[in-house]
Structure formats: structure tokens, C-alpha cells
């Protein structure tokens, strides 16, 4: 193995390890004169595309004989000198203050994943180089054979993973913060819909029959069947009523997601990112919408367990989160000035929110009534 090749590969792996540390949870951008005017997302996309191109060259050079150390070194040197530093610089420029904490964390995670997969590929290429060199040392006159299938598969699979990682970074860069937020909100919307459908399909009476069958004759021997049947019927009827009240309550909660997507995220452009107030709105929106699906699951689980008071507690938490999410974007993005104060401005969503608050307050009363009865 040539000294140059060894030095370049070791440098690549060392750089990747160093960059991984730089992209940790406490990562911060270097706001020097040379980087402060750089647009982070275009640079992130361009550097990811460049890495994918270099990886394609690297894989072809590795699996197709003859293995040429100098050619592989040229590709790795390009990665070391420009591609990897550009990728990491771009990721660090995606700061929480300008792009939200969630988007910042997502970009760091995706960049670290890309570097990890690239390191796996470099290790595979290094291993192949060692095998080639050893074979040549054992028999200098032997013609270089095709790469064994296992080694070729290792390179192609590693290459595919780097491609996928690069494509994901490019996609996130292209959709930007609002596209990222929309995708997250759509995922949470779907989780809430699934949970509501599950509650709709749940039959308290079937659950009761299941537990009766499970207990078998022991239950009949230990309990007064007449009294037990009467209590069981009352409990089942109460659960049926609580189920109906829960579904009535969750319907307006579920409506929050499409309302916000259609009226506050679609066609928002860069307005939410134009001020600290807009970023703060996005942060608040993500925080509160994120907590709702888990709360719905917890409320449903407590309902299935016939723990009405616990279920109502989670429903109240859901109401609070949903109300705060709506409140955070009740005014149009353009209504927030640089100081964070909403100017007097209304649109269709603002008017809709008033009706929504009234409906939620009303259905919440029925939840309270059922739990206290």
C-alpha cells in the first residue's frame, strides 16, 4: 500500500471523526467574516451533491480492476480538502436562532449520518486496497482478478447508504424549514387520526366478554353472577358514554392539524423566518403539536383500562397543548413585528380559531361531566 494512499485514507477517517465531534448537540456556527454571508441550505445541498458524486467515483475505482492507489487518493483528497469541510460548515450554519431548534437538530443528525456512512465506505475501500497489495506481494506476476462478490457487495451497499444519506440531506435542504415543519405536522396529524380510528373501533362490551372468558369458571364460583352482570352492564354503558364523549372531544382537536397546515404553513414562504418573532412562533407550534399524539395515546390507553379520571386528565393536557398551538399562530405571519408583538390583523384562520375555542370549551364540559358522574 502506497504511503500517499495510507496518509490520505487516515486523514479522511480522522477528519470524519473530528467533524462528528464538531456536529454534537452543542454545535455552534463559526460566524467569521468568511462564512457569515453564506446561505446555509444551498451550500448544504451543493456539498451533499458533490459528496455523492465523489462517492460514485470512489466506488467505481474500488470495485473495477485495476485498483489504482493514486486515483482513489485523488478522490479522497478532494473530499478532505473541500467537500467534507463544506458539508460540515453548511450544517453548522443552520443555527437554532435562524432555523428553529428542531430543524437545526435534524440537519446535524442527517449530516452525522452521512459522515458515518461515508466512513464505512472508506474503510471498505481501505480493506480492498490491503487485499490487493497482499495478493500482489504474494505473486507479483499475477494479473489482478475481479473483486470477490462479498467485497464488491460491501462497497456497493456502503455506497448506496451514502447516496441515500446525501439524497435525504438534499431533500431537507430543498424543502427548507417550512417544508420540514409541514412534514412533521402531517406525521403528527396522521398519528392522531389513527388513534381516533382505534378508539372508534374499540367496543367496551367486547372487552368485557374477553375478560369474562379469560376468568372462566373461577369468576362464576367466586362472585354473585346476578349482581356482577348488573354492575358489568352499568360499567359497560358508562364506558360507552365516555367513549362517545372522548370522540366528540377529539374531533376538533384533530381539526387543528389540517387547519394549521392549510392556513399557516402552505404558501408561508420565508415569512416565518424573517424575524425572531416568527421563529418563536414556529418553535411554540412544534412544541405543542408534538405533544398531542402521545397524549391521545395515553388517554385512549386509560380509557381501555376503564380509568376514566386518568383519561380525562390526559384529555385536559391535550386541550391545553392544542389551544396553545392555535394561539401561537392565531395571527398571520406578517402580523408579527420584530419585537414579537402581534399587530392587529385577522384572516380566515383567526376567525376560525374563535369558533374552535368555543367548540373545544363546550365539548370539554361533557368530558368533565362524564368523569364526575
Protein backbone atom coordinates (compact mmCIF):
# COMPACT_ATOMS: atom_id res chain seq x y z
CA UNK A 1 0.00 0.00 0.00
CA UNK A 2 1.49 3.33 -1.07
CA UNK A 3 2.44 5.84 1.59
CA UNK A 4 0.35 8.51 -0.10
CA UNK A 5 -2.76 6.30 -0.10
CA UNK A 6 -2.29 5.39 3.55
CA UNK A 7 -1.88 9.03 4.55
CA UNK A 8 -4.93 10.18 2.60
CA UNK A 9 -7.25 7.45 3.93
CA UNK A 10 -6.10 8.01 7.50
CA UNK A 11 -6.64 11.74 7.06
CA UNK A 12 -10.16 11.12 5.73
CA UNK A 13 -11.12 8.91 8.66
CA UNK A 14 -9.55 11.30 11.17
CA UNK A 15 -11.41 14.25 9.64
CA UNK A 16 -14.71 12.38 9.80
CA UNK A 17 -14.15 11.59 13.47
CA UNK A 18 -13.28 15.21 14.18
CA UNK A 19 -16.30 16.51 12.28
CA UNK A 20 -18.59 14.09 14.12
CA UNK A 21 -17.49 15.69 17.36
CA UNK A 22 -17.97 19.16 15.94
CA UNK A 23 -21.57 18.29 14.99
CA UNK A 24 -22.51 17.29 18.51
CA UNK A 25 -25.60 18.56 20.40
CA UNK A 26 -23.81 21.76 21.42
CA UNK A 27 -22.66 22.55 17.87
CA UNK A 28 -22.46 26.22 17.00
CA UNK A 29 -21.65 28.02 13.78
CA UNK A 30 -18.41 29.90 13.22
CA UNK A 31 -19.65 33.37 12.34
CA UNK A 32 -16.39 34.57 10.87
CA UNK A 33 -16.21 37.08 8.04
CA UNK A 34 -15.70 34.23 5.56
CA UNK A 35 -18.92 32.41 6.45
CA UNK A 36 -21.41 34.93 7.82
CA UNK A 37 -22.86 35.78 4.38
CA UNK A 38 -23.03 32.17 3.16
CA UNK A 39 -26.50 30.77 2.53
CA UNK A 40 -26.56 27.59 4.56
CA UNK A 41 -29.17 25.48 2.77
CA UNK A 42 -27.88 25.96 -0.81
CA UNK A 43 -24.37 25.15 0.45
CA UNK A 44 -25.68 22.10 2.30
CA UNK A 45 -27.40 20.83 -0.84
CA UNK A 46 -24.42 21.54 -3.11
CA UNK A 47 -21.90 19.87 -0.79
CA UNK A 48 -24.13 16.80 -0.37
CA UNK A 49 -24.47 16.52 -4.14
CA UNK A 50 -20.70 16.88 -4.51
CA UNK A 51 -20.07 14.15 -1.94
CA UNK A 52 -22.44 11.81 -3.75
CA UNK A 53 -20.53 12.40 -6.99
CA UNK A 54 -17.17 11.71 -5.34
CA UNK A 55 -18.57 8.57 -3.70
CA UNK A 56 -19.71 7.31 -7.10
CA UNK A 57 -16.18 7.73 -8.46
CA UNK A 58 -14.70 6.09 -5.37
CA UNK A 59 -16.91 3.01 -5.60
CA UNK A 60 -16.18 2.50 -9.30
CA UNK A 61 -12.44 2.80 -8.73
CA UNK A 62 -12.63 0.34 -5.84
CA UNK A 63 -14.61 -2.48 -7.48
CA UNK A 64 -13.22 -2.36 -11.00
CA UNK A 65 -9.67 -3.65 -11.63
CA UNK A 66 -7.02 -2.50 -11.70
CA UNK A 67 -7.10 -0.83 -8.28
CA UNK A 68 -5.14 2.40 -8.66
CA UNK A 69 -3.99 3.97 -5.41
CA UNK A 70 -3.32 7.38 -6.94
CA UNK A 71 -6.80 7.63 -8.50
CA UNK A 72 -8.50 6.70 -5.24
CA UNK A 73 -6.27 9.11 -3.35
CA UNK A 74 -7.27 11.93 -5.71
CA UNK A 75 -10.96 11.36 -4.93
CA UNK A 76 -10.39 11.20 -1.18
CA UNK A 77 -8.19 14.28 -1.24
CA UNK A 78 -10.98 16.24 -2.93
CA UNK A 79 -13.32 15.12 -0.14
CA UNK A 80 -10.82 16.10 2.53
CA UNK A 81 -9.93 19.49 1.08
CA UNK A 82 -13.35 20.85 0.10
CA UNK A 83 -16.38 18.55 0.10
CA UNK A 84 -16.41 17.43 3.74
CA UNK A 85 -15.46 20.86 5.18
CA UNK A 86 -18.20 22.50 3.08
CA UNK A 87 -20.78 19.96 4.23
CA UNK A 88 -19.93 20.46 7.89
CA UNK A 89 -19.73 24.24 7.57
CA UNK A 90 -23.19 24.31 5.98
CA UNK A 91 -24.65 22.13 8.73
CA UNK A 92 -23.18 24.40 11.43
CA UNK A 93 -24.64 27.48 9.74
CA UNK A 94 -28.14 26.05 10.22
CA UNK A 95 -28.46 27.64 13.65
CA UNK A 96 -31.43 27.28 16.04
CA UNK A 97 -31.91 31.04 16.14
CA UNK A 98 -32.42 31.28 12.38
CA UNK A 99 -33.89 27.87 11.50
CA UNK A 100 -35.58 26.58 14.73
CA UNK A 101 -34.15 24.08 17.18
CA UNK A 102 -35.94 21.14 15.55
CA UNK A 103 -34.60 21.85 12.05
CA UNK A 104 -31.12 22.52 13.45
CA UNK A 105 -31.15 19.13 15.22
CA UNK A 106 -32.46 17.37 12.11
CA UNK A 107 -29.70 18.78 9.89
CA UNK A 108 -26.99 17.86 12.40
CA UNK A 109 -28.35 14.32 12.69
CA UNK A 110 -28.56 13.83 8.91
CA UNK A 111 -25.05 15.23 8.40
CA UNK A 112 -23.60 12.96 11.09
CA UNK A 113 -25.35 10.00 9.46
CA UNK A 114 -23.86 10.93 6.09
CA UNK A 115 -20.37 11.12 7.57
CA UNK A 116 -20.82 7.79 9.35
CA UNK A 117 -21.88 6.02 6.16
CA UNK A 118 -19.02 7.61 4.23
CA UNK A 119 -16.55 6.35 6.85
CA UNK A 120 -17.89 2.81 6.37
CA UNK A 121 -17.27 3.10 2.64
CA UNK A 122 -13.73 4.43 3.12
CA UNK A 123 -12.97 1.53 5.47
CA UNK A 124 -14.25 -0.94 2.85
CA UNK A 125 -12.06 0.66 0.17
CA UNK A 126 -9.07 0.60 2.51
CA UNK A 127 -9.66 -3.11 3.16
CA UNK A 128 -9.80 -3.86 -0.56
CA UNK A 129 -6.55 -1.96 -1.11
CA UNK A 130 -4.88 -4.06 1.56
CA UNK A 131 -6.10 -7.29 -0.02
CA UNK A 132 -4.92 -6.20 -3.47
CA UNK A 133 -1.50 -5.23 -2.15
CA UNK A 134 -1.09 -8.50 -0.30
CA UNK A 135 -2.06 -10.53 -3.37
CA UNK A 136 0.46 -8.61 -5.47
CA UNK A 137 3.13 -9.14 -2.83
CA UNK A 138 2.47 -12.88 -2.78
CA UNK A 139 2.61 -13.13 -6.57
CA UNK A 140 4.00 -10.04 -8.35
CA UNK A 141 3.32 -11.53 -11.81
CA UNK A 142 -0.32 -12.47 -11.11
CA UNK A 143 -2.89 -10.49 -13.05
CA UNK A 144 -5.37 -8.64 -10.87
CA UNK A 145 -8.66 -10.58 -10.69
CA UNK A 146 -12.20 -9.35 -10.41
CA UNK A 147 -13.12 -8.39 -6.89
CA UNK A 148 -14.79 -11.20 -4.89
CA UNK A 149 -18.57 -10.81 -4.66
CA UNK A 150 -18.54 -10.28 -0.89
CA UNK A 151 -16.11 -7.38 -1.18
CA UNK A 152 -17.94 -5.90 -4.15
CA UNK A 153 -21.24 -6.12 -2.27
CA UNK A 154 -19.70 -4.42 0.75
CA UNK A 155 -18.65 -1.46 -1.39
CA UNK A 156 -21.88 -1.18 -3.38
CA UNK A 157 -24.05 -1.44 -0.27
CA UNK A 158 -21.98 1.16 1.57
CA UNK A 159 -22.14 3.38 -1.50
CA UNK A 160 -25.92 3.03 -1.63
CA UNK A 161 -26.23 4.08 2.00
CA UNK A 162 -24.10 7.18 1.41
CA UNK A 163 -26.23 8.04 -1.63
CA UNK A 164 -29.40 7.71 0.41
CA UNK A 165 -27.98 9.88 3.17
CA UNK A 166 -26.88 12.55 0.68
CA UNK A 167 -30.28 12.49 -1.05
CA UNK A 168 -32.03 12.99 2.28
CA UNK A 169 -29.85 15.99 3.09
CA UNK A 170 -30.56 17.48 -0.35
CA UNK A 171 -34.30 16.94 0.11
CA UNK A 172 -34.33 18.60 3.53
CA UNK A 173 -32.29 21.48 2.15
CA UNK A 174 -34.67 21.92 -0.77
CA UNK A 175 -37.88 21.86 1.27
CA UNK A 176 -36.40 24.12 3.93
CA UNK A 177 -37.69 24.84 7.40
CA UNK A 178 -41.35 25.22 6.46
CA UNK A 179 -41.29 22.02 4.41
CA UNK A 180 -39.70 20.23 7.35
CA UNK A 181 -42.30 21.61 9.77
CA UNK A 182 -45.14 20.65 7.42
CA UNK A 183 -43.86 17.09 7.17
CA UNK A 184 -43.65 16.80 10.96
CA UNK A 185 -47.13 18.27 11.43
CA UNK A 186 -48.54 15.87 8.83
CA UNK A 187 -46.95 12.93 10.65
CA UNK A 188 -48.49 14.02 13.96
CA UNK A 189 -51.84 14.58 12.22
CA UNK A 190 -51.77 11.01 10.93
CA UNK A 191 -50.92 9.65 14.39
CA UNK A 192 -53.90 11.45 15.91
CA UNK A 193 -56.19 10.17 13.13
CA UNK A 194 -55.01 6.61 13.69
CA UNK A 195 -55.61 6.87 17.43
CA UNK A 196 -59.11 8.27 16.91
CA UNK A 197 -59.95 5.47 14.47
CA UNK A 198 -58.73 2.93 17.01
CA UNK A 199 -61.00 4.40 19.68
CA UNK A 200 -63.92 4.35 17.23
CA UNK A 201 -63.35 0.65 16.55
CA UNK A 202 -62.98 -0.24 20.23
CA UNK A 203 -66.03 -1.90 21.81
CA UNK A 204 -66.12 -1.86 25.64
CA UNK A 205 -68.64 -4.71 25.61
CA UNK A 206 -66.33 -6.99 23.66
CA UNK A 207 -63.54 -6.22 26.12
CA UNK A 208 -65.84 -7.23 28.97
CA UNK A 209 -66.68 -10.54 27.28
CA UNK A 210 -62.98 -11.16 26.71
CA UNK A 211 -62.18 -10.77 30.41
CA UNK A 212 -65.17 -12.95 31.35
CA UNK A 213 -63.90 -15.73 29.11
CA UNK A 214 -60.40 -15.31 30.48
CA UNK A 215 -61.59 -15.69 34.09
CA UNK A 216 -63.74 -18.74 33.25
CA UNK A 217 -65.38 -20.81 35.99
CA UNK A 218 -63.28 -19.25 38.77
CA UNK A 219 -65.14 -15.98 38.32
CA UNK A 220 -68.51 -17.75 38.49
CA UNK A 221 -67.51 -19.59 41.68
CA UNK A 222 -66.18 -16.51 43.47
CA UNK A 223 -68.79 -13.89 42.55
CA UNK A 224 -72.52 -13.45 42.60
CA UNK A 225 -73.29 -13.67 38.88
CA UNK A 226 -76.57 -11.71 39.06
CA UNK A 227 -75.04 -8.74 40.84
CA UNK A 228 -71.90 -8.94 38.77
CA UNK A 229 -73.82 -8.91 35.49
CA UNK A 230 -75.76 -5.87 36.63
CA UNK A 231 -72.59 -4.00 37.60
CA UNK A 232 -70.87 -5.10 34.43
CA UNK A 233 -73.71 -3.76 32.29
CA UNK A 234 -73.59 -0.44 34.10
CA UNK A 235 -69.81 -0.21 33.74
CA UNK A 236 -70.02 -1.06 30.04
CA UNK A 237 -72.71 1.54 29.46
CA UNK A 238 -70.63 4.15 31.29
CA UNK A 239 -67.58 3.29 29.16
CA UNK A 240 -69.68 3.55 26.00
CA UNK A 241 -70.75 7.05 27.05
CA UNK A 242 -67.18 8.02 27.91
CA UNK A 243 -66.05 6.71 24.54
CA UNK A 244 -68.61 8.92 22.78
CA UNK A 245 -67.61 11.94 24.86
CA UNK A 246 -63.92 11.30 24.13
CA UNK A 247 -64.53 11.09 20.39
CA UNK A 248 -66.61 14.29 20.45
CA UNK A 249 -63.75 15.97 22.25
CA UNK A 250 -61.02 14.68 19.91
CA UNK A 251 -62.72 15.67 16.65
CA UNK A 252 -61.99 19.41 16.99
CA UNK A 253 -58.52 18.56 18.31
CA UNK A 254 -57.79 16.60 15.13
CA UNK A 255 -59.02 19.55 13.04
CA UNK A 256 -56.18 21.71 14.32
CA UNK A 257 -53.59 19.97 12.13
CA UNK A 258 -55.17 20.45 8.67
CA UNK A 259 -56.28 23.97 9.64
CA UNK A 260 -52.73 25.00 10.52
CA UNK A 261 -51.22 23.20 7.52
CA UNK A 262 -53.60 24.87 5.05
CA UNK A 263 -53.73 28.33 6.59
CA UNK A 264 -50.36 28.86 8.24
CA UNK A 265 -47.79 26.57 6.58
CA UNK A 266 -48.78 26.16 2.94
CA UNK A 267 -47.53 29.12 0.90
CA UNK A 268 -45.91 30.64 4.01
CA UNK A 269 -42.66 31.18 2.13
CA UNK A 270 -39.91 32.68 4.24
CA UNK A 271 -42.21 34.93 6.28
CA UNK A 272 -41.91 32.81 9.48
CA UNK A 273 -38.11 33.02 9.23
CA UNK A 274 -37.92 36.77 8.65
CA UNK A 275 -37.90 37.70 12.34
CA UNK A 276 -37.17 36.33 15.79
CA UNK A 277 -40.91 36.53 16.46
CA UNK A 278 -41.64 34.24 13.51
CA UNK A 279 -39.05 31.71 14.66
CA UNK A 280 -40.56 31.81 18.16
CA UNK A 281 -43.99 31.09 16.69
CA UNK A 282 -42.64 28.06 14.85
CA UNK A 283 -40.87 26.80 17.96
CA UNK A 284 -44.06 27.08 20.02
CA UNK A 285 -46.14 25.46 17.28
CA UNK A 286 -43.82 22.45 17.02
CA UNK A 287 -43.60 22.03 20.77
CA UNK A 288 -47.35 21.90 21.36
CA UNK A 289 -48.40 19.93 18.27
CA UNK A 290 -45.73 17.34 19.03
CA UNK A 291 -47.19 16.57 22.47
CA UNK A 292 -50.75 15.89 21.28
CA UNK A 293 -50.36 12.42 19.65
CA UNK A 294 -48.69 10.96 22.73
CA UNK A 295 -51.41 12.47 24.92
CA UNK A 296 -54.13 10.91 22.74
CA UNK A 297 -52.46 7.51 23.05
CA UNK A 298 -52.27 7.88 26.82
CA UNK A 299 -55.90 8.99 27.07
CA UNK A 300 -57.03 6.06 24.92
CA UNK A 301 -54.97 3.60 26.96
CA UNK A 302 -56.52 4.84 30.21
CA UNK A 303 -59.98 4.57 28.66
CA UNK A 304 -59.34 0.97 27.61
CA UNK A 305 -58.31 0.24 31.20
CA UNK A 306 -61.58 1.77 32.49
CA UNK A 307 -59.63 4.53 34.25
CA UNK A 308 -61.87 7.45 33.31
CA UNK A 309 -60.31 10.03 35.62
CA UNK A 310 -56.84 9.30 34.23
CA UNK A 311 -58.16 9.50 30.67
CA UNK A 312 -59.80 12.87 31.36
CA UNK A 313 -56.54 14.19 32.81
CA UNK A 314 -54.72 13.42 29.57
CA UNK A 315 -57.58 14.93 27.54
CA UNK A 316 -57.23 18.15 29.53
CA UNK A 317 -53.50 18.19 28.77
CA UNK A 318 -54.33 17.69 25.10
CA UNK A 319 -56.76 20.59 25.20
CA UNK A 320 -54.07 22.83 26.69
CA UNK A 321 -51.47 21.83 24.06
CA UNK A 322 -53.90 22.24 21.16
CA UNK A 323 -55.09 25.62 22.45
CA UNK A 324 -51.51 26.85 22.82
CA UNK A 325 -50.69 25.63 19.30
CA UNK A 326 -53.64 27.53 17.81
CA UNK A 327 -52.89 30.59 19.92
CA UNK A 328 -49.25 30.63 18.79
CA UNK A 329 -50.27 31.17 15.15
CA UNK A 330 -53.66 32.84 15.60
CA UNK A 331 -52.37 35.91 13.72
CA UNK A 332 -50.85 35.80 10.22
CA UNK A 333 -47.07 35.58 9.97
CA UNK A 334 -46.86 39.12 8.64
CA UNK A 335 -48.67 40.39 11.74
CA UNK A 336 -45.65 39.79 13.99
CA UNK A 337 -43.19 42.63 14.12
CA UNK A 338 -39.52 42.37 15.02
CA UNK A 339 -40.25 42.85 18.73
CA UNK A 340 -42.52 39.83 18.86
CA UNK A 341 -45.76 41.80 19.30
CA UNK A 342 -48.67 40.83 17.08
CA UNK A 343 -50.15 43.76 15.27
CA UNK A 344 -53.93 43.91 14.84
CA UNK A 345 -54.52 41.63 11.88
CA UNK A 346 -57.06 38.96 11.08
CA UNK A 347 -57.66 36.41 8.38
CA UNK A 348 -59.75 33.28 7.84
CA UNK A 349 -57.76 31.24 10.34
CA UNK A 350 -58.07 33.93 13.02
CA UNK A 351 -61.85 33.90 12.65
CA UNK A 352 -61.91 30.08 12.56
CA UNK A 353 -59.89 29.94 15.78
CA UNK A 354 -62.58 31.83 17.72
CA UNK A 355 -65.18 29.26 16.79
CA UNK A 356 -62.75 26.45 17.50
CA UNK A 357 -62.04 27.68 21.04
CA UNK A 358 -65.77 27.85 21.77
CA UNK A 359 -66.36 24.32 20.45
CA UNK A 360 -63.46 22.86 22.42
CA UNK A 361 -64.58 24.56 25.63
CA UNK A 362 -68.07 23.15 25.12
CA UNK A 363 -67.04 19.55 24.44
CA UNK A 364 -64.59 19.73 27.35
CA UNK A 365 -67.57 20.30 29.68
CA UNK A 366 -69.07 16.98 28.62
CA UNK A 367 -65.78 15.25 29.44
CA UNK A 368 -65.84 16.73 32.93
CA UNK A 369 -69.48 15.74 33.39
CA UNK A 370 -68.84 12.12 32.40
CA UNK A 371 -65.83 11.78 34.67
CA UNK A 372 -67.68 13.15 37.73
CA UNK A 373 -70.84 11.12 37.22
